[in-house]
Amino acid sequence: MCFVNDCPADQSTQAIVVRLAMVGTFMLRRILQRSAYPPNYAEQMGAVIALTGRLVDLAGNLTSPDQMSAEGRQQIRLLD
């Protein structure tokens, strides 16, 4: 909601998200691949990992709220 309400950016949260985006999902995918889960469950969890990784990548690429234009804020309001 900070993107809509023009709150100051939380630098520690931004740093964590950027770090997670840089680390990626490789290790988690490797652990899942080596697990003893049934193939259908492993496939479902692989999809969850992919989606979560994509969401973290998108969050890491967002600009801070204080750098966002009024038009960008309006577009985010439409998503809410």
PDB file of N, CA and C in Angstrom:
ATOM      1  N   MET A   1       0.804  -1.200   0.000  1.00  0.00           N
ATOM      2  CA  MET A   1       0.000   0.000   0.000  1.00  0.00           C
ATOM      3  C   MET A   1       0.847   1.264   0.000  1.00  0.00           C
ATOM      4  N   CYS A   2       2.117   1.167   0.311  1.00  0.00           N
ATOM      5  CA  CYS A   2       2.959   2.363   0.303  1.00  0.00           C
ATOM      6  C   CYS A   2       3.076   2.953  -1.096  1.00  0.00           C
ATOM      7  N   PHE A   3       2.963   2.138  -2.119  1.00  0.00           N
ATOM      8  CA  PHE A   3       3.060   2.663  -3.475  1.00  0.00           C
ATOM      9  C   PHE A   3       1.862   3.552  -3.795  1.00  0.00           C
ATOM     10  N   VAL A   4       0.713   3.238  -3.227  1.00  0.00           N
ATOM     11  CA  VAL A   4      -0.497   4.018  -3.475  1.00  0.00           C
ATOM     12  C   VAL A   4      -0.535   5.250  -2.595  1.00  0.00           C
ATOM     13  N   ASN A   5      -0.170   5.112  -1.327  1.00  0.00           N
ATOM     14  CA  ASN A   5      -0.307   6.183  -0.340  1.00  0.00           C
ATOM     15  C   ASN A   5       0.924   7.072  -0.218  1.00  0.00           C
ATOM     16  N   ASP A   6       1.967   6.816  -1.003  1.00  0.00           N
ATOM     17  CA  ASP A   6       3.187   7.619  -0.991  1.00  0.00           C
ATOM     18  C   ASP A   6       3.883   7.610   0.370  1.00  0.00           C
ATOM     19  N   CYS A   7       3.961   6.430   0.987  1.00  0.00           N
ATOM     20  CA  CYS A   7       4.684   6.267   2.254  1.00  0.00           C
ATOM     21  C   CYS A   7       6.189   6.253   1.962  1.00  0.00           C
ATOM     22  N   PRO A   8       7.009   6.579   2.942  1.00  0.00           N
ATOM     23  CA  PRO A   8       8.453   6.448   2.734  1.00  0.00           C
ATOM     24  C   PRO A   8       8.839   4.970   2.573  1.00  0.00           C
ATOM     25  N   ALA A   9       9.822   4.700   1.749  1.00  0.00           N
ATOM     26  CA  ALA A   9      10.246   3.332   1.480  1.00  0.00           C
ATOM     27  C   ALA A   9      10.942   2.729   2.690  1.00  0.00           C
ATOM     28  N   ASP A  10      10.651   1.476   2.961  1.00  0.00           N
ATOM     29  CA  ASP A  10      11.313   0.730   4.022  1.00  0.00           C
ATOM     30  C   ASP A  10      12.560   0.086   3.421  1.00  0.00           C
ATOM     31  N   GLN A  11      13.706   0.673   3.690  1.00  0.00           N
ATOM     32  CA  GLN A  11      14.955   0.246   3.055  1.00  0.00           C
ATOM     33  C   GLN A  11      15.342  -1.186   3.412  1.00  0.00           C
ATOM     34  N   SER A  12      15.080  -1.610   4.647  1.00  0.00           N
ATOM     35  CA  SER A  12      15.462  -2.971   5.034  1.00  0.00           C
ATOM     36  C   SER A  12      14.637  -4.007   4.285  1.00  0.00           C
ATOM     37  N   THR A  13      13.350  -3.757   4.113  1.00  0.00           N
ATOM     38  CA  THR A  13      12.501  -4.688   3.370  1.00  0.00           C
ATOM     39  C   THR A  13      12.918  -4.727   1.912  1.00  0.00           C
ATOM     40  N   GLN A  14      13.206  -3.573   1.342  1.00  0.00           N
ATOM     41  CA  GLN A  14      13.664  -3.527  -0.044  1.00  0.00           C
ATOM     42  C   GLN A  14      14.956  -4.325  -0.218  1.00  0.00           C
ATOM     43  N   ALA A  15      15.866  -4.197   0.720  1.00  0.00           N
ATOM     44  CA  ALA A  15      17.142  -4.913   0.635  1.00  0.00           C
ATOM     45  C   ALA A  15      16.934  -6.424   0.707  1.00  0.00           C
ATOM     46  N   ILE A  16      16.026  -6.863   1.553  1.00  0.00           N
ATOM     47  CA  ILE A  16      15.749  -8.297   1.683  1.00  0.00           C
ATOM     48  C   ILE A  16      15.161  -8.842   0.389  1.00  0.00           C
ATOM     49  N   VAL A  17      14.197  -8.127  -0.179  1.00  0.00           N
ATOM     50  CA  VAL A  17      13.557  -8.586  -1.414  1.00  0.00           C
ATOM     51  C   VAL A  17      14.569  -8.635  -2.556  1.00  0.00           C
ATOM     52  N   VAL A  18      15.414  -7.638  -2.661  1.00  0.00           N
ATOM     53  CA  VAL A  18      16.432  -7.632  -3.710  1.00  0.00           C
ATOM     54  C   VAL A  18      17.400  -8.797  -3.520  1.00  0.00           C
ATOM     55  N   ARG A  19      17.793  -9.059  -2.287  1.00  0.00           N
ATOM     56  CA  ARG A  19      18.701 -10.189  -2.022  1.00  0.00           C
ATOM     57  C   ARG A  19      18.049 -11.507  -2.412  1.00  0.00           C
ATOM     58  N   LEU A  20      16.774 -11.698  -2.048  1.00  0.00           N
ATOM     59  CA  LEU A  20      16.073 -12.929  -2.401  1.00  0.00           C
ATOM     60  C   LEU A  20      15.929 -13.077  -3.914  1.00  0.00           C
ATOM     61  N   ALA A  21      15.707 -11.976  -4.598  1.00  0.00           N
ATOM     62  CA  ALA A  21      15.612 -12.026  -6.055  1.00  0.00           C
ATOM     63  C   ALA A  21      16.947 -12.436  -6.667  1.00  0.00           C
ATOM     64  N   MET A  22      18.034 -11.991  -6.075  1.00  0.00           N
ATOM     65  CA  MET A  22      19.355 -12.341  -6.590  1.00  0.00           C
ATOM     66  C   MET A  22      19.688 -13.809  -6.312  1.00  0.00           C
ATOM     67  N   VAL A  23      19.289 -14.312  -5.161  1.00  0.00           N
ATOM     68  CA  VAL A  23      19.572 -15.706  -4.805  1.00  0.00           C
ATOM     69  C   VAL A  23      18.809 -16.653  -5.719  1.00  0.00           C
ATOM     70  N   GLY A  24      17.552 -16.342  -5.982  1.00  0.00           N
ATOM     71  CA  GLY A  24      16.753 -17.167  -6.879  1.00  0.00           C
ATOM     72  C   GLY A  24      16.221 -18.421  -6.213  1.00  0.00           C
ATOM     73  N   THR A  25      15.751 -19.349  -7.042  1.00  0.00           N
ATOM     74  CA  THR A  25      15.088 -20.555  -6.538  1.00  0.00           C
ATOM     75  C   THR A  25      15.872 -21.830  -6.843  1.00  0.00           C
ATOM     76  N   PHE A  26      17.108 -21.686  -7.282  1.00  0.00           N
ATOM     77  CA  PHE A  26      17.887 -22.846  -7.692  1.00  0.00           C
ATOM     78  C   PHE A  26      18.016 -23.898  -6.585  1.00  0.00           C
ATOM     79  N   MET A  27      18.430 -23.472  -5.409  1.00  0.00           N
ATOM     80  CA  MET A  27      18.648 -24.437  -4.325  1.00  0.00           C
ATOM     81  C   MET A  27      17.341 -25.121  -3.912  1.00  0.00           C
ATOM     82  N   LEU A  28      16.270 -24.359  -3.856  1.00  0.00           N
ATOM     83  CA  LEU A  28      14.985 -24.945  -3.488  1.00  0.00           C
ATOM     84  C   LEU A  28      14.527 -25.955  -4.539  1.00  0.00           C
ATOM     85  N   ARG A  29      14.735 -25.653  -5.798  1.00  0.00           N
ATOM     86  CA  ARG A  29      14.388 -26.597  -6.867  1.00  0.00           C
ATOM     87  C   ARG A  29      15.241 -27.866  -6.772  1.00  0.00           C
ATOM     88  N   ARG A  30      16.516 -27.704  -6.434  1.00  0.00           N
ATOM     89  CA  ARG A  30      17.398 -28.863  -6.305  1.00  0.00           C
ATOM     90  C   ARG A  30      16.951 -29.757  -5.150  1.00  0.00           C
ATOM     91  N   ILE A  31      16.601 -29.148  -4.023  1.00  0.00           N
ATOM     92  CA  ILE A  31      16.119 -29.922  -2.874  1.00  0.00           C
ATOM     93  C   ILE A  31      14.856 -30.679  -3.245  1.00  0.00           C
ATOM     94  N   LEU A  32      13.952 -30.018  -3.940  1.00  0.00           N
ATOM     95  CA  LEU A  32      12.708 -30.664  -4.353  1.00  0.00           C
ATOM     96  C   LEU A  32      12.977 -31.816  -5.310  1.00  0.00           C
ATOM     97  N   GLN A  33      13.901 -31.627  -6.222  1.00  0.00           N
ATOM     98  CA  GLN A  33      14.233 -32.659  -7.194  1.00  0.00           C
ATOM     99  C   GLN A  33      14.815 -33.905  -6.517  1.00  0.00           C
ATOM    100  N   ARG A  34      15.577 -33.709  -5.465  1.00  0.00           N
ATOM    101  CA  ARG A  34      16.215 -34.826  -4.765  1.00  0.00           C
ATOM    102  C   ARG A  34      15.338 -35.439  -3.681  1.00  0.00           C
ATOM    103  N   SER A  35      14.176 -34.864  -3.448  1.00  0.00           N
ATOM    104  CA  SER A  35      13.293 -35.356  -2.389  1.00  0.00           C
ATOM    105  C   SER A  35      12.599 -36.650  -2.801  1.00  0.00           C
ATOM    106  N   ALA A  36      11.960 -37.259  -1.836  1.00  0.00           N
ATOM    107  CA  ALA A  36      11.245 -38.517  -2.076  1.00  0.00           C
ATOM    108  C   ALA A  36       9.743 -38.286  -2.248  1.00  0.00           C
ATOM    109  N   TYR A  37       9.362 -37.074  -2.559  1.00  0.00           N
ATOM    110  CA  TYR A  37       7.941 -36.780  -2.769  1.00  0.00           C
ATOM    111  C   TYR A  37       7.439 -37.470  -4.031  1.00  0.00           C
ATOM    112  N   PRO A  38       6.166 -37.822  -4.052  1.00  0.00           N
ATOM    113  CA  PRO A  38       5.597 -38.398  -5.285  1.00  0.00           C
ATOM    114  C   PRO A  38       5.715 -37.402  -6.436  1.00  0.00           C
ATOM    115  N   PRO A  39       5.847 -37.895  -7.657  1.00  0.00           N
ATOM    116  CA  PRO A  39       6.058 -36.999  -8.803  1.00  0.00           C
ATOM    117  C   PRO A  39       4.983 -35.918  -8.973  1.00  0.00           C
ATOM    118  N   ASN A  40       3.730 -36.256  -8.733  1.00  0.00           N
ATOM    119  CA  ASN A  40       2.683 -35.244  -8.930  1.00  0.00           C
ATOM    120  C   ASN A  40       2.786 -34.133  -7.882  1.00  0.00           C
ATOM    121  N   TYR A  41       3.142 -34.478  -6.655  1.00  0.00           N
ATOM    122  CA  TYR A  41       3.307 -33.467  -5.618  1.00  0.00           C
ATOM    123  C   TYR A  41       4.530 -32.597  -5.911  1.00  0.00           C
ATOM    124  N   ALA A  42       5.615 -33.219  -6.338  1.00  0.00           N
ATOM    125  CA  ALA A  42       6.835 -32.472  -6.667  1.00  0.00           C
ATOM    126  C   ALA A  42       6.568 -31.504  -7.827  1.00  0.00           C
ATOM    127  N   GLU A  43       5.752 -31.923  -8.784  1.00  0.00           N
ATOM    128  CA  GLU A  43       5.406 -31.054  -9.906  1.00  0.00           C
ATOM    129  C   GLU A  43       4.594 -29.853  -9.429  1.00  0.00           C
ATOM    130  N   GLN A  44       3.654 -30.087  -8.534  1.00  0.00           N
ATOM    131  CA  GLN A  44       2.853 -28.996  -7.988  1.00  0.00           C
ATOM    132  C   GLN A  44       3.724 -28.024  -7.197  1.00  0.00           C
ATOM    133  N   MET A  45       4.604 -28.552  -6.372  1.00  0.00           N
ATOM    134  CA  MET A  45       5.484 -27.691  -5.594  1.00  0.00           C
ATOM    135  C   MET A  45       6.458 -26.935  -6.493  1.00  0.00           C
ATOM    136  N   GLY A  46       6.873 -27.556  -7.589  1.00  0.00           N
ATOM    137  CA  GLY A  46       7.719 -26.864  -8.559  1.00  0.00           C
ATOM    138  C   GLY A  46       7.015 -25.650  -9.145  1.00  0.00           C
ATOM    139  N   ALA A  47       5.710 -25.797  -9.401  1.00  0.00           N
ATOM    140  CA  ALA A  47       4.928 -24.670  -9.910  1.00  0.00           C
ATOM    141  C   ALA A  47       4.814 -23.569  -8.863  1.00  0.00           C
ATOM    142  N   VAL A  48       4.643 -23.951  -7.606  1.00  0.00           N
ATOM    143  CA  VAL A  48       4.564 -22.965  -6.521  1.00  0.00           C
ATOM    144  C   VAL A  48       5.894 -22.228  -6.391  1.00  0.00           C
ATOM    145  N   ILE A  49       6.989 -22.956  -6.478  1.00  0.00           N
ATOM    146  CA  ILE A  49       8.321 -22.344  -6.394  1.00  0.00           C
ATOM    147  C   ILE A  49       8.520 -21.364  -7.547  1.00  0.00           C
ATOM    148  N   ALA A  50       8.120 -21.763  -8.743  1.00  0.00           N
ATOM    149  CA  ALA A  50       8.277 -20.885  -9.912  1.00  0.00           C
ATOM    150  C   ALA A  50       7.460 -19.605  -9.751  1.00  0.00           C
ATOM    151  N   LEU A  51       6.228 -19.739  -9.306  1.00  0.00           N
ATOM    152  CA  LEU A  51       5.373 -18.569  -9.116  1.00  0.00           C
ATOM    153  C   LEU A  51       5.934 -17.654  -8.033  1.00  0.00           C
ATOM    154  N   THR A  52       6.351 -18.232  -6.926  1.00  0.00           N
ATOM    155  CA  THR A  52       6.915 -17.436  -5.839  1.00  0.00           C
ATOM    156  C   THR A  52       8.185 -16.722  -6.291  1.00  0.00           C
ATOM    157  N   GLY A  53       9.031 -17.419  -7.016  1.00  0.00           N
ATOM    158  CA  GLY A  53      10.246 -16.802  -7.532  1.00  0.00           C
ATOM    159  C   GLY A  53       9.942 -15.644  -8.462  1.00  0.00           C
ATOM    160  N   ARG A  54       8.939 -15.817  -9.293  1.00  0.00           N
ATOM    161  CA  ARG A  54       8.556 -14.738 -10.215  1.00  0.00           C
ATOM    162  C   ARG A  54       8.021 -13.522  -9.461  1.00  0.00           C
ATOM    163  N   LEU A  55       7.217 -13.771  -8.434  1.00  0.00           N
ATOM    164  CA  LEU A  55       6.688 -12.667  -7.636  1.00  0.00           C
ATOM    165  C   LEU A  55       7.795 -11.914  -6.905  1.00  0.00           C
ATOM    166  N   VAL A  56       8.775 -12.642  -6.389  1.00  0.00           N
ATOM    167  CA  VAL A  56       9.906 -11.993  -5.717  1.00  0.00           C
ATOM    168  C   VAL A  56      10.706 -11.172  -6.727  1.00  0.00           C
ATOM    169  N   ASP A  57      10.897 -11.705  -7.939  1.00  0.00           N
ATOM    170  CA  ASP A  57      11.604 -10.951  -8.977  1.00  0.00           C
ATOM    171  C   ASP A  57      10.865  -9.658  -9.316  1.00  0.00           C
ATOM    172  N   LEU A  58       9.552  -9.751  -9.451  1.00  0.00           N
ATOM    173  CA  LEU A  58       8.764  -8.561  -9.762  1.00  0.00           C
ATOM    174  C   LEU A  58       8.837  -7.534  -8.635  1.00  0.00           C
ATOM    175  N   ALA A  59       8.749  -8.002  -7.391  1.00  0.00           N
ATOM    176  CA  ALA A  59       8.825  -7.087  -6.246  1.00  0.00           C
ATOM    177  C   ALA A  59      10.200  -6.443  -6.169  1.00  0.00           C
ATOM    178  N   GLY A  60      11.232  -7.185  -6.493  1.00  0.00           N
ATOM    179  CA  GLY A  60      12.586  -6.638  -6.458  1.00  0.00           C
ATOM    180  C   GLY A  60      12.817  -5.576  -7.517  1.00  0.00           C
ATOM    181  N   ASN A  61      12.045  -5.610  -8.588  1.00  0.00           N
ATOM    182  CA  ASN A  61      12.216  -4.645  -9.676  1.00  0.00           C
ATOM    183  C   ASN A  61      11.344  -3.410  -9.537  1.00  0.00           C
ATOM    184  N   LEU A  62      10.486  -3.371  -8.538  1.00  0.00           N
ATOM    185  CA  LEU A  62       9.652  -2.186  -8.333  1.00  0.00           C
ATOM    186  C   LEU A  62      10.507  -1.010  -7.883  1.00  0.00           C
ATOM    187  N   THR A  63      10.160   0.155  -8.325  1.00  0.00           N
ATOM    188  CA  THR A  63      10.857   1.343  -7.851  1.00  0.00           C
ATOM    189  C   THR A  63      10.309   1.712  -6.479  1.00  0.00           C
ATOM    190  N   SER A  64      11.045   2.497  -5.746  1.00  0.00           N
ATOM    191  CA  SER A  64      10.570   2.900  -4.425  1.00  0.00           C
ATOM    192  C   SER A  64       9.396   3.858  -4.584  1.00  0.00           C
ATOM    193  N   PRO A  65       8.480   3.901  -3.602  1.00  0.00           N
ATOM    194  CA  PRO A  65       7.281   4.733  -3.721  1.00  0.00           C
ATOM    195  C   PRO A  65       7.571   6.208  -3.939  1.00  0.00           C
ATOM    196  N   ASP A  66       8.665   6.722  -3.377  1.00  0.00           N
ATOM    197  CA  ASP A  66       8.942   8.146  -3.538  1.00  0.00           C
ATOM    198  C   ASP A  66       9.428   8.488  -4.948  1.00  0.00           C
ATOM    199  N   GLN A  67       9.761   7.476  -5.762  1.00  0.00           N
ATOM    200  CA  GLN A  67      10.197   7.714  -7.134  1.00  0.00           C
ATOM    201  C   GLN A  67       9.091   7.423  -8.148  1.00  0.00           C
ATOM    202  N   MET A  68       7.921   6.992  -7.696  1.00  0.00           N
ATOM    203  CA  MET A  68       6.854   6.608  -8.596  1.00  0.00           C
ATOM    204  C   MET A  68       6.025   7.821  -9.013  1.00  0.00           C
ATOM    205  N   SER A  69       5.648   7.848 -10.262  1.00  0.00           N
ATOM    206  CA  SER A  69       4.841   8.954 -10.773  1.00  0.00           C
ATOM    207  C   SER A  69       3.392   8.813 -10.316  1.00  0.00           C
ATOM    208  N   ALA A  70       2.645   9.887 -10.454  1.00  0.00           N
ATOM    209  CA  ALA A  70       1.220   9.862 -10.094  1.00  0.00           C
ATOM    210  C   ALA A  70       0.475   8.865 -10.976  1.00  0.00           C
ATOM    211  N   GLU A  71       0.861   8.761 -12.230  1.00  0.00           N
ATOM    212  CA  GLU A  71       0.221   7.802 -13.136  1.00  0.00           C
ATOM    213  C   GLU A  71       0.489   6.359 -12.682  1.00  0.00           C
ATOM    214  N   GLY A  72       1.703   6.099 -12.245  1.00  0.00           N
ATOM    215  CA  GLY A  72       2.035   4.767 -11.742  1.00  0.00           C
ATOM    216  C   GLY A  72       1.232   4.423 -10.501  1.00  0.00           C
ATOM    217  N   ARG A  73       1.072   5.381  -9.604  1.00  0.00           N
ATOM    218  CA  ARG A  73       0.256   5.155  -8.401  1.00  0.00           C
ATOM    219  C   ARG A  73      -1.189   4.848  -8.772  1.00  0.00           C
ATOM    220  N   GLN A  74      -1.715   5.557  -9.764  1.00  0.00           N
ATOM    221  CA  GLN A  74      -3.089   5.326 -10.197  1.00  0.00           C
ATOM    222  C   GLN A  74      -3.248   3.919 -10.764  1.00  0.00           C
ATOM    223  N   GLN A  75      -2.267   3.454 -11.513  1.00  0.00           N
ATOM    224  CA  GLN A  75      -2.329   2.097 -12.067  1.00  0.00           C
ATOM    225  C   GLN A  75      -2.316   1.050 -10.960  1.00  0.00           C
ATOM    226  N   ILE A  76      -1.535   1.282  -9.913  1.00  0.00           N
ATOM    227  CA  ILE A  76      -1.495   0.333  -8.798  1.00  0.00           C
ATOM    228  C   ILE A  76      -2.806   0.362  -8.031  1.00  0.00           C
ATOM    229  N   ARG A  77      -3.414   1.528  -7.900  1.00  0.00           N
ATOM    230  CA  ARG A  77      -4.738   1.609  -7.239  1.00  0.00           C
ATOM    231  C   ARG A  77      -5.746   0.734  -7.966  1.00  0.00           C
ATOM    232  N   LEU A  78      -5.661   0.675  -9.282  1.00  0.00           N
ATOM    233  CA  LEU A  78      -6.591  -0.133 -10.060  1.00  0.00           C
ATOM    234  C   LEU A  78      -6.418  -1.628  -9.773  1.00  0.00           C
ATOM    235  N   LEU A  79      -5.223  -2.044  -9.374  1.00  0.00           N
ATOM    236  CA  LEU A  79      -4.969  -3.456  -9.051  1.00  0.00           C
ATOM    237  C   LEU A  79      -5.550  -3.857  -7.701  1.00  0.00           C
ATOM    238  N   ASP A  80      -5.738  -2.911  -6.804  1.00  0.00           N
ATOM    239  CA  ASP A  80      -6.203  -3.196  -5.447  1.00  0.00           C
ATOM    240  C   ASP A  80      -7.638  -3.606  -5.415  1.00  0.00           C
TER     241      ASP A  80
END
